[in-house]
Amino acid sequence: MSAEYTKRANNRSWVVRLLSFSALSTQLSALLLLAGCAIPMVPYRAVYEDPVNYVRLERDETVLPEWPPSEHTHPKTMRAEDLSRILGSISVKEHRVWLQKWLQGEAPLLPAFRPNELTLLSREIAEALAEAKPDERVTFYLSQPQTSVKRIITTGGLYVHGTDLHFILGNWQVVYGIPTYGMIYDRRYPMRPTAAKGFYLYFYPAESTVTQQHSVWDMLLANATDELVIDLTKTVSDPLTSQAGR
């Protein structure tokens, strides 16, 4: 009986060890998977941040150190009232397919920003542009919490190159639900869409915009409708107050 009991005890011990090893392997695999799928944090300098909104300065990867012409005209001094007028002149139109147009008609032009958003952005973007380096761009994130896991977001960024203000809208009034695994993607990448872009950007007066040349890839990836290039010489009230501070 003693030998049989010892044998059974040893068998149970091996089973426990195998189960423990299996559990440890599962945990290690999960950790490796999370490490491989983790979204890297984009380095930034915060200019303004509250619990739901922010304005930041991020490194722009399109600026190449070996090619000085790619540098932006930063730092840039602009008045908040000029920025408010420019941002307030940007409109968004929802994309509708032919069936939607037949049932609902053309989508209306709507302001890109609400009055309170204009007040916040014009003030903080003016400060950000004054602090920006030639290889940085200004990014913004606006959020309206709906529930503990859902919010409506508008995000994007801008930079000044020469006398042109480049404005990119990443998301516009998009309903974003935080995934169950907790990755907060929308706050990390304000320039990137969280869903397919279904809108067009317009600026008034249209004569103040610079026509861009788009490749076939831009058209296929919907990168031709989310950016405006605005000629600052035609939009600022006093060009002398909007000179680069270099």
C-alpha atoms as a PDB file:
ATOM      1  CA  MET A   1       0.000   0.000   0.000  1.00  0.00           C
ATOM      2  CA  SER A   2       2.816   2.377   0.801  1.00  0.00           C
ATOM      3  CA  ALA A   3       4.500   1.865  -2.587  1.00  0.00           C
ATOM      4  CA  GLU A   4       1.195   2.295  -4.421  1.00  0.00           C
ATOM      5  CA  TYR A   5       0.398   5.437  -2.457  1.00  0.00           C
ATOM      6  CA  THR A   6       3.849   6.876  -3.227  1.00  0.00           C
ATOM      7  CA  LYS A   7       3.378   6.116  -6.937  1.00  0.00           C
ATOM      8  CA  ARG A   8       0.011   7.884  -7.033  1.00  0.00           C
ATOM      9  CA  ALA A   9       1.454  10.867  -5.165  1.00  0.00           C
ATOM     10  CA  ASN A  10       4.295  11.120  -7.670  1.00  0.00           C
ATOM     11  CA  ASN A  11       1.841  10.971 -10.563  1.00  0.00           C
ATOM     12  CA  ARG A  12      -0.242  13.759  -9.028  1.00  0.00           C
ATOM     13  CA  SER A  13       2.931  15.795  -8.537  1.00  0.00           C
ATOM     14  CA  TRP A  14       3.821  15.462 -12.218  1.00  0.00           C
ATOM     15  CA  VAL A  15       0.302  16.448 -13.238  1.00  0.00           C
ATOM     16  CA  VAL A  16       0.498  19.558 -11.068  1.00  0.00           C
ATOM     17  CA  ARG A  17       3.874  20.443 -12.568  1.00  0.00           C
ATOM     18  CA  LEU A  18       2.575  19.993 -16.117  1.00  0.00           C
ATOM     19  CA  LEU A  19      -0.469  22.140 -15.404  1.00  0.00           C
ATOM     20  CA  SER A  20       1.705  24.833 -13.815  1.00  0.00           C
ATOM     21  CA  PHE A  21       4.086  24.771 -16.789  1.00  0.00           C
ATOM     22  CA  SER A  22       1.153  24.969 -19.201  1.00  0.00           C
ATOM     23  CA  ALA A  23      -0.323  27.946 -17.333  1.00  0.00           C
ATOM     24  CA  LEU A  24       3.073  29.669 -17.275  1.00  0.00           C
ATOM     25  CA  SER A  25       3.516  29.080 -21.020  1.00  0.00           C
ATOM     26  CA  THR A  26       0.075  30.540 -21.693  1.00  0.00           C
ATOM     27  CA  GLN A  27       0.883  33.638 -19.640  1.00  0.00           C
ATOM     28  CA  LEU A  28       4.223  34.105 -21.404  1.00  0.00           C
ATOM     29  CA  SER A  29       2.559  33.723 -24.816  1.00  0.00           C
ATOM     30  CA  ALA A  30      -0.049  36.316 -23.877  1.00  0.00           C
ATOM     31  CA  LEU A  31       2.619  38.733 -22.694  1.00  0.00           C
ATOM     32  CA  LEU A  32       4.632  38.266 -25.896  1.00  0.00           C
ATOM     33  CA  LEU A  33       1.510  38.775 -27.976  1.00  0.00           C
ATOM     34  CA  LEU A  34       0.655  41.986 -26.129  1.00  0.00           C
ATOM     35  CA  ALA A  35       4.221  43.209 -26.482  1.00  0.00           C
ATOM     36  CA  GLY A  36       4.153  42.548 -30.210  1.00  0.00           C
ATOM     37  CA  CYS A  37       0.780  44.227 -30.675  1.00  0.00           C
ATOM     38  CA  ALA A  38       1.356  47.166 -28.341  1.00  0.00           C
ATOM     39  CA  ILE A  39       0.829  50.538 -29.976  1.00  0.00           C
ATOM     40  CA  PRO A  40       3.975  52.650 -29.575  1.00  0.00           C
ATOM     41  CA  MET A  41       3.566  56.048 -27.979  1.00  0.00           C
ATOM     42  CA  VAL A  42       4.352  58.975 -30.259  1.00  0.00           C
ATOM     43  CA  PRO A  43       6.746  61.413 -28.541  1.00  0.00           C
ATOM     44  CA  TYR A  44       5.140  64.804 -28.031  1.00  0.00           C
ATOM     45  CA  ARG A  45       5.312  68.085 -26.141  1.00  0.00           C
ATOM     46  CA  ALA A  46       2.053  69.049 -24.496  1.00  0.00           C
ATOM     47  CA  VAL A  47       0.905  72.648 -25.048  1.00  0.00           C
ATOM     48  CA  TYR A  48      -2.566  72.223 -23.549  1.00  0.00           C
ATOM     49  CA  GLU A  49      -4.325  69.251 -22.003  1.00  0.00           C
ATOM     50  CA  ASP A  50      -7.472  68.727 -19.968  1.00  0.00           C
ATOM     51  CA  PRO A  51      -9.355  65.484 -19.232  1.00  0.00           C
ATOM     52  CA  VAL A  52     -10.978  65.364 -22.695  1.00  0.00           C
ATOM     53  CA  ASN A  53      -9.004  67.639 -25.068  1.00  0.00           C
ATOM     54  CA  TYR A  54      -5.422  68.453 -25.947  1.00  0.00           C
ATOM     55  CA  VAL A  55      -3.116  70.404 -28.262  1.00  0.00           C
ATOM     56  CA  ARG A  56       0.369  68.967 -28.746  1.00  0.00           C
ATOM     57  CA  LEU A  57       3.568  69.292 -30.736  1.00  0.00           C
ATOM     58  CA  GLU A  58       4.712  66.087 -32.439  1.00  0.00           C
ATOM     59  CA  ARG A  59       7.704  65.185 -34.553  1.00  0.00           C
ATOM     60  CA  ASP A  60       6.784  65.196 -38.258  1.00  0.00           C
ATOM     61  CA  GLU A  61       8.400  62.200 -39.971  1.00  0.00           C
ATOM     62  CA  THR A  62       8.060  63.841 -43.389  1.00  0.00           C
ATOM     63  CA  VAL A  63      10.697  66.431 -42.425  1.00  0.00           C
ATOM     64  CA  LEU A  64      14.085  64.991 -43.396  1.00  0.00           C
ATOM     65  CA  PRO A  65      17.203  66.266 -41.571  1.00  0.00           C
ATOM     66  CA  GLU A  66      19.286  65.828 -44.722  1.00  0.00           C
ATOM     67  CA  TRP A  67      16.880  67.924 -46.811  1.00  0.00           C
ATOM     68  CA  PRO A  68      16.420  71.440 -45.355  1.00  0.00           C
ATOM     69  CA  PRO A  69      13.640  72.399 -47.841  1.00  0.00           C
ATOM     70  CA  SER A  70      11.405  69.854 -46.100  1.00  0.00           C
ATOM     71  CA  GLU A  71      11.514  71.861 -42.841  1.00  0.00           C
ATOM     72  CA  HIS A  72       8.400  73.752 -41.796  1.00  0.00           C
ATOM     73  CA  THR A  73       8.289  77.499 -41.209  1.00  0.00           C
ATOM     74  CA  HIS A  74       8.335  77.113 -37.448  1.00  0.00           C
ATOM     75  CA  PRO A  75       8.233  78.729 -35.004  1.00  0.00           C
ATOM     76  CA  LYS A  76       5.421  80.810 -36.438  1.00  0.00           C
ATOM     77  CA  THR A  77       3.724  83.809 -34.855  1.00  0.00           C
ATOM     78  CA  MET A  78       0.007  83.990 -35.599  1.00  0.00           C
ATOM     79  CA  ARG A  79      -2.754  85.822 -33.801  1.00  0.00           C
ATOM     80  CA  ALA A  80      -5.519  83.821 -32.192  1.00  0.00           C
ATOM     81  CA  GLU A  81      -8.163  85.893 -33.976  1.00  0.00           C
ATOM     82  CA  ASP A  82      -6.630  85.057 -37.367  1.00  0.00           C
ATOM     83  CA  LEU A  83      -6.566  81.365 -36.527  1.00  0.00           C
ATOM     84  CA  SER A  84     -10.154  81.544 -35.276  1.00  0.00           C
ATOM     85  CA  ARG A  85     -11.269  83.065 -38.580  1.00  0.00           C
ATOM     86  CA  ILE A  86      -9.328  80.491 -40.616  1.00  0.00           C
ATOM     87  CA  LEU A  87     -10.551  77.482 -38.631  1.00  0.00           C
ATOM     88  CA  GLY A  88     -14.065  78.931 -38.622  1.00  0.00           C
ATOM     89  CA  SER A  89     -13.987  79.070 -42.434  1.00  0.00           C
ATOM     90  CA  ILE A  90     -13.441  75.308 -42.717  1.00  0.00           C
ATOM     91  CA  SER A  91     -16.522  73.244 -43.509  1.00  0.00           C
ATOM     92  CA  VAL A  92     -17.135  69.523 -43.744  1.00  0.00           C
ATOM     93  CA  LYS A  93     -19.484  67.674 -46.061  1.00  0.00           C
ATOM     94  CA  GLU A  94     -20.468  64.082 -45.455  1.00  0.00           C
ATOM     95  CA  HIS A  95     -19.857  61.678 -48.324  1.00  0.00           C
ATOM     96  CA  ARG A  96     -23.031  60.045 -49.592  1.00  0.00           C
ATOM     97  CA  VAL A  97     -23.363  57.302 -52.183  1.00  0.00           C
ATOM     98  CA  TRP A  98     -25.868  57.652 -55.003  1.00  0.00           C
ATOM     99  CA  LEU A  99     -28.627  55.825 -53.100  1.00  0.00           C
ATOM    100  CA  GLN A 100     -28.257  58.143 -50.108  1.00  0.00           C
ATOM    101  CA  LYS A 101     -28.343  61.151 -52.424  1.00  0.00           C
ATOM    102  CA  TRP A 102     -31.492  59.824 -54.088  1.00  0.00           C
ATOM    103  CA  LEU A 103     -33.205  59.292 -50.717  1.00  0.00           C
ATOM    104  CA  GLN A 104     -31.810  62.212 -48.712  1.00  0.00           C
ATOM    105  CA  GLY A 105     -30.315  64.588 -51.250  1.00  0.00           C
ATOM    106  CA  GLU A 106     -26.874  66.160 -50.992  1.00  0.00           C
ATOM    107  CA  ALA A 107     -25.333  66.354 -47.529  1.00  0.00           C
ATOM    108  CA  PRO A 108     -25.209  69.883 -46.069  1.00  0.00           C
ATOM    109  CA  LEU A 109     -22.011  71.802 -45.434  1.00  0.00           C
ATOM    110  CA  LEU A 110     -21.359  71.943 -41.698  1.00  0.00           C
ATOM    111  CA  PRO A 111     -18.744  73.877 -39.700  1.00  0.00           C
ATOM    112  CA  ALA A 112     -15.749  71.745 -38.815  1.00  0.00           C
ATOM    113  CA  PHE A 113     -15.701  73.157 -35.277  1.00  0.00           C
ATOM    114  CA  ARG A 114     -18.226  74.346 -32.735  1.00  0.00           C
ATOM    115  CA  PRO A 115     -17.855  77.852 -31.208  1.00  0.00           C
ATOM    116  CA  ASN A 116     -16.347  76.566 -27.945  1.00  0.00           C
ATOM    117  CA  GLU A 117     -13.923  74.375 -29.898  1.00  0.00           C
ATOM    118  CA  LEU A 118     -12.862  77.372 -32.005  1.00  0.00           C
ATOM    119  CA  THR A 119     -12.132  79.394 -28.874  1.00  0.00           C
ATOM    120  CA  LEU A 120      -9.971  76.643 -27.416  1.00  0.00           C
ATOM    121  CA  LEU A 121      -8.137  75.697 -30.615  1.00  0.00           C
ATOM    122  CA  SER A 122      -7.369  79.213 -31.864  1.00  0.00           C
ATOM    123  CA  ARG A 123      -5.769  80.177 -28.542  1.00  0.00           C
ATOM    124  CA  GLU A 124      -3.789  76.983 -27.985  1.00  0.00           C
ATOM    125  CA  ILE A 125      -2.726  76.453 -31.613  1.00  0.00           C
ATOM    126  CA  ALA A 126      -1.381  80.004 -31.714  1.00  0.00           C
ATOM    127  CA  GLU A 127       0.746  79.175 -28.678  1.00  0.00           C
ATOM    128  CA  ALA A 128       1.821  75.840 -30.179  1.00  0.00           C
ATOM    129  CA  LEU A 129       2.909  77.388 -33.482  1.00  0.00           C
ATOM    130  CA  ALA A 130       4.985  79.960 -31.588  1.00  0.00           C
ATOM    131  CA  GLU A 131       6.813  77.109 -29.803  1.00  0.00           C
ATOM    132  CA  ALA A 132       7.046  74.653 -32.716  1.00  0.00           C
ATOM    133  CA  LYS A 133      10.372  73.532 -34.147  1.00  0.00           C
ATOM    134  CA  PRO A 134      10.964  73.217 -37.914  1.00  0.00           C
ATOM    135  CA  ASP A 135      10.521  69.433 -37.696  1.00  0.00           C
ATOM    136  CA  GLU A 136       7.319  69.497 -35.632  1.00  0.00           C
ATOM    137  CA  ARG A 137       3.621  69.761 -36.375  1.00  0.00           C
ATOM    138  CA  VAL A 138       0.687  70.778 -34.196  1.00  0.00           C
ATOM    139  CA  THR A 139      -1.899  68.106 -33.400  1.00  0.00           C
ATOM    140  CA  PHE A 140      -5.238  68.436 -31.642  1.00  0.00           C
ATOM    141  CA  TYR A 141      -7.798  66.145 -30.052  1.00  0.00           C
ATOM    142  CA  LEU A 142     -11.350  67.137 -29.137  1.00  0.00           C
ATOM    143  CA  SER A 143     -13.617  64.740 -27.301  1.00  0.00           C
ATOM    144  CA  GLN A 144     -17.204  64.674 -26.067  1.00  0.00           C
ATOM    145  CA  PRO A 145     -17.685  61.773 -23.629  1.00  0.00           C
ATOM    146  CA  GLN A 146     -20.978  59.920 -24.123  1.00  0.00           C
ATOM    147  CA  THR A 147     -20.494  57.006 -21.717  1.00  0.00           C
ATOM    148  CA  SER A 148     -17.563  55.557 -19.760  1.00  0.00           C
ATOM    149  CA  VAL A 149     -16.415  53.688 -22.890  1.00  0.00           C
ATOM    150  CA  LYS A 150     -17.745  55.823 -25.756  1.00  0.00           C
ATOM    151  CA  ARG A 151     -16.981  59.337 -26.990  1.00  0.00           C
ATOM    152  CA  ILE A 152     -17.352  61.552 -30.065  1.00  0.00           C
ATOM    153  CA  ILE A 153     -13.976  62.735 -31.332  1.00  0.00           C
ATOM    154  CA  THR A 154     -12.615  65.303 -33.779  1.00  0.00           C
ATOM    155  CA  THR A 155      -8.867  65.143 -34.350  1.00  0.00           C
ATOM    156  CA  GLY A 156      -6.202  66.342 -36.737  1.00  0.00           C
ATOM    157  CA  GLY A 157      -3.146  68.510 -37.147  1.00  0.00           C
ATOM    158  CA  LEU A 158      -1.547  71.371 -39.016  1.00  0.00           C
ATOM    159  CA  TYR A 159       1.753  73.001 -39.880  1.00  0.00           C
ATOM    160  CA  VAL A 160       3.035  76.026 -41.784  1.00  0.00           C
ATOM    161  CA  HIS A 161       5.282  75.526 -44.794  1.00  0.00           C
ATOM    162  CA  GLY A 162       6.425  78.724 -46.442  1.00  0.00           C
ATOM    163  CA  THR A 163       3.324  80.904 -46.643  1.00  0.00           C
ATOM    164  CA  ASP A 164       0.901  77.975 -46.665  1.00  0.00           C
ATOM    165  CA  LEU A 165      -1.005  76.530 -43.744  1.00  0.00           C
ATOM    166  CA  HIS A 166      -1.527  72.782 -44.159  1.00  0.00           C
ATOM    167  CA  PHE A 167      -4.583  71.524 -42.270  1.00  0.00           C
ATOM    168  CA  ILE A 168      -5.366  67.798 -41.984  1.00  0.00           C
ATOM    169  CA  LEU A 169      -8.519  66.402 -40.406  1.00  0.00           C
ATOM    170  CA  GLY A 170      -8.041  62.871 -39.095  1.00  0.00           C
ATOM    171  CA  ASN A 171     -11.486  62.309 -37.579  1.00  0.00           C
ATOM    172  CA  TRP A 172     -14.620  64.423 -37.602  1.00  0.00           C
ATOM    173  CA  GLN A 173     -17.371  63.751 -35.054  1.00  0.00           C
ATOM    174  CA  VAL A 174     -16.564  60.044 -35.061  1.00  0.00           C
ATOM    175  CA  VAL A 175     -18.121  57.838 -32.400  1.00  0.00           C
ATOM    176  CA  TYR A 176     -15.207  55.974 -30.835  1.00  0.00           C
ATOM    177  CA  GLY A 177     -15.713  53.046 -28.483  1.00  0.00           C
ATOM    178  CA  ILE A 178     -12.798  51.999 -26.301  1.00  0.00           C
ATOM    179  CA  PRO A 179     -12.044  48.312 -27.097  1.00  0.00           C
ATOM    180  CA  THR A 180     -12.425  45.722 -24.337  1.00  0.00           C
ATOM    181  CA  TYR A 181      -8.650  45.182 -24.270  1.00  0.00           C
ATOM    182  CA  GLY A 182      -8.200  48.832 -23.333  1.00  0.00           C
ATOM    183  CA  MET A 183      -6.048  50.155 -26.196  1.00  0.00           C
ATOM    184  CA  ILE A 184      -6.780  53.894 -26.441  1.00  0.00           C
ATOM    185  CA  TYR A 185      -5.790  54.332 -30.078  1.00  0.00           C
ATOM    186  CA  ASP A 186      -7.572  57.586 -30.843  1.00  0.00           C
ATOM    187  CA  ARG A 187      -5.637  59.702 -28.316  1.00  0.00           C
ATOM    188  CA  ARG A 188      -2.247  58.379 -29.451  1.00  0.00           C
ATOM    189  CA  TYR A 189      -2.605  59.061 -33.166  1.00  0.00           C
ATOM    190  CA  PRO A 190      -4.750  62.170 -33.761  1.00  0.00           C
ATOM    191  CA  MET A 191      -3.619  62.448 -37.385  1.00  0.00           C
ATOM    192  CA  ARG A 192      -4.815  58.967 -38.264  1.00  0.00           C
ATOM    193  CA  PRO A 193      -8.450  57.988 -38.822  1.00  0.00           C
ATOM    194  CA  THR A 194     -10.109  55.516 -36.475  1.00  0.00           C
ATOM    195  CA  ALA A 195     -12.622  54.672 -39.194  1.00  0.00           C
ATOM    196  CA  ALA A 196     -12.962  55.119 -42.947  1.00  0.00           C
ATOM    197  CA  LYS A 197     -13.106  58.805 -43.808  1.00  0.00           C
ATOM    198  CA  GLY A 198     -16.496  59.702 -45.178  1.00  0.00           C
ATOM    199  CA  PHE A 199     -16.183  63.461 -45.560  1.00  0.00           C
ATOM    200  CA  TYR A 200     -14.835  66.274 -47.741  1.00  0.00           C
ATOM    201  CA  LEU A 201     -13.170  69.472 -46.562  1.00  0.00           C
ATOM    202  CA  TYR A 202     -14.003  72.941 -47.886  1.00  0.00           C
ATOM    203  CA  PHE A 203     -12.658  76.408 -47.193  1.00  0.00           C
ATOM    204  CA  TYR A 204     -14.292  79.768 -47.829  1.00  0.00           C
ATOM    205  CA  PRO A 205     -13.263  81.644 -49.851  1.00  0.00           C
ATOM    206  CA  ALA A 206     -12.034  78.818 -52.070  1.00  0.00           C
ATOM    207  CA  GLU A 207      -9.671  81.240 -53.839  1.00  0.00           C
ATOM    208  CA  SER A 208      -7.527  81.264 -50.708  1.00  0.00           C
ATOM    209  CA  THR A 209      -6.687  77.570 -51.023  1.00  0.00           C
ATOM    210  CA  VAL A 210      -3.816  76.075 -52.993  1.00  0.00           C
ATOM    211  CA  THR A 211      -4.694  73.338 -55.474  1.00  0.00           C
ATOM    212  CA  GLN A 212      -2.799  70.125 -54.804  1.00  0.00           C
ATOM    213  CA  GLN A 213      -1.744  67.332 -57.107  1.00  0.00           C
ATOM    214  CA  HIS A 214      -2.845  63.918 -55.874  1.00  0.00           C
ATOM    215  CA  SER A 215      -1.602  60.511 -56.914  1.00  0.00           C
ATOM    216  CA  VAL A 216      -3.819  57.531 -57.646  1.00  0.00           C
ATOM    217  CA  TRP A 217      -2.848  56.106 -54.258  1.00  0.00           C
ATOM    218  CA  ASP A 218      -4.007  59.279 -52.532  1.00  0.00           C
ATOM    219  CA  MET A 219      -7.372  58.927 -54.209  1.00  0.00           C
ATOM    220  CA  LEU A 220      -7.667  55.234 -53.316  1.00  0.00           C
ATOM    221  CA  LEU A 221      -6.658  55.825 -49.685  1.00  0.00           C
ATOM    222  CA  ALA A 222      -8.985  58.845 -49.318  1.00  0.00           C
ATOM    223  CA  ASN A 223      -6.058  61.179 -48.674  1.00  0.00           C
ATOM    224  CA  ALA A 224      -7.262  63.687 -51.246  1.00  0.00           C
ATOM    225  CA  THR A 225     -10.255  64.957 -49.293  1.00  0.00           C
ATOM    226  CA  ASP A 226      -8.918  65.357 -45.759  1.00  0.00           C
ATOM    227  CA  GLU A 227      -6.326  68.124 -46.264  1.00  0.00           C
ATOM    228  CA  LEU A 228      -6.543  71.827 -47.040  1.00  0.00           C
ATOM    229  CA  VAL A 229      -3.628  74.032 -48.050  1.00  0.00           C
ATOM    230  CA  ILE A 230      -4.487  77.629 -47.198  1.00  0.00           C
ATOM    231  CA  ASP A 231      -2.538  80.612 -48.520  1.00  0.00           C
ATOM    232  CA  LEU A 232      -1.836  82.763 -45.459  1.00  0.00           C
ATOM    233  CA  THR A 233      -1.068  85.835 -47.568  1.00  0.00           C
ATOM    234  CA  LYS A 234      -4.739  85.844 -48.553  1.00  0.00           C
ATOM    235  CA  THR A 235      -6.238  85.082 -45.148  1.00  0.00           C
ATOM    236  CA  VAL A 236      -4.337  86.831 -42.322  1.00  0.00           C
ATOM    237  CA  SER A 237      -5.388  90.370 -41.461  1.00  0.00           C
ATOM    238  CA  ASP A 238      -1.835  91.647 -41.078  1.00  0.00           C
ATOM    239  CA  PRO A 239       0.974  89.570 -42.644  1.00  0.00           C
ATOM    240  CA  LEU A 240       3.579  91.451 -40.578  1.00  0.00           C
ATOM    241  CA  THR A 241       2.311  89.743 -37.420  1.00  0.00           C
ATOM    242  CA  SER A 242       2.647  86.295 -38.964  1.00  0.00           C
ATOM    243  CA  GLN A 243       6.334  86.101 -39.681  1.00  0.00           C
ATOM    244  CA  ALA A 244       8.444  83.108 -38.741  1.00  0.00           C
ATOM    245  CA  GLY A 245      10.204  83.569 -35.465  1.00  0.00           C
ATOM    246  CA  ARG A 246      13.458  81.968 -36.465  1.00  0.00           C
END
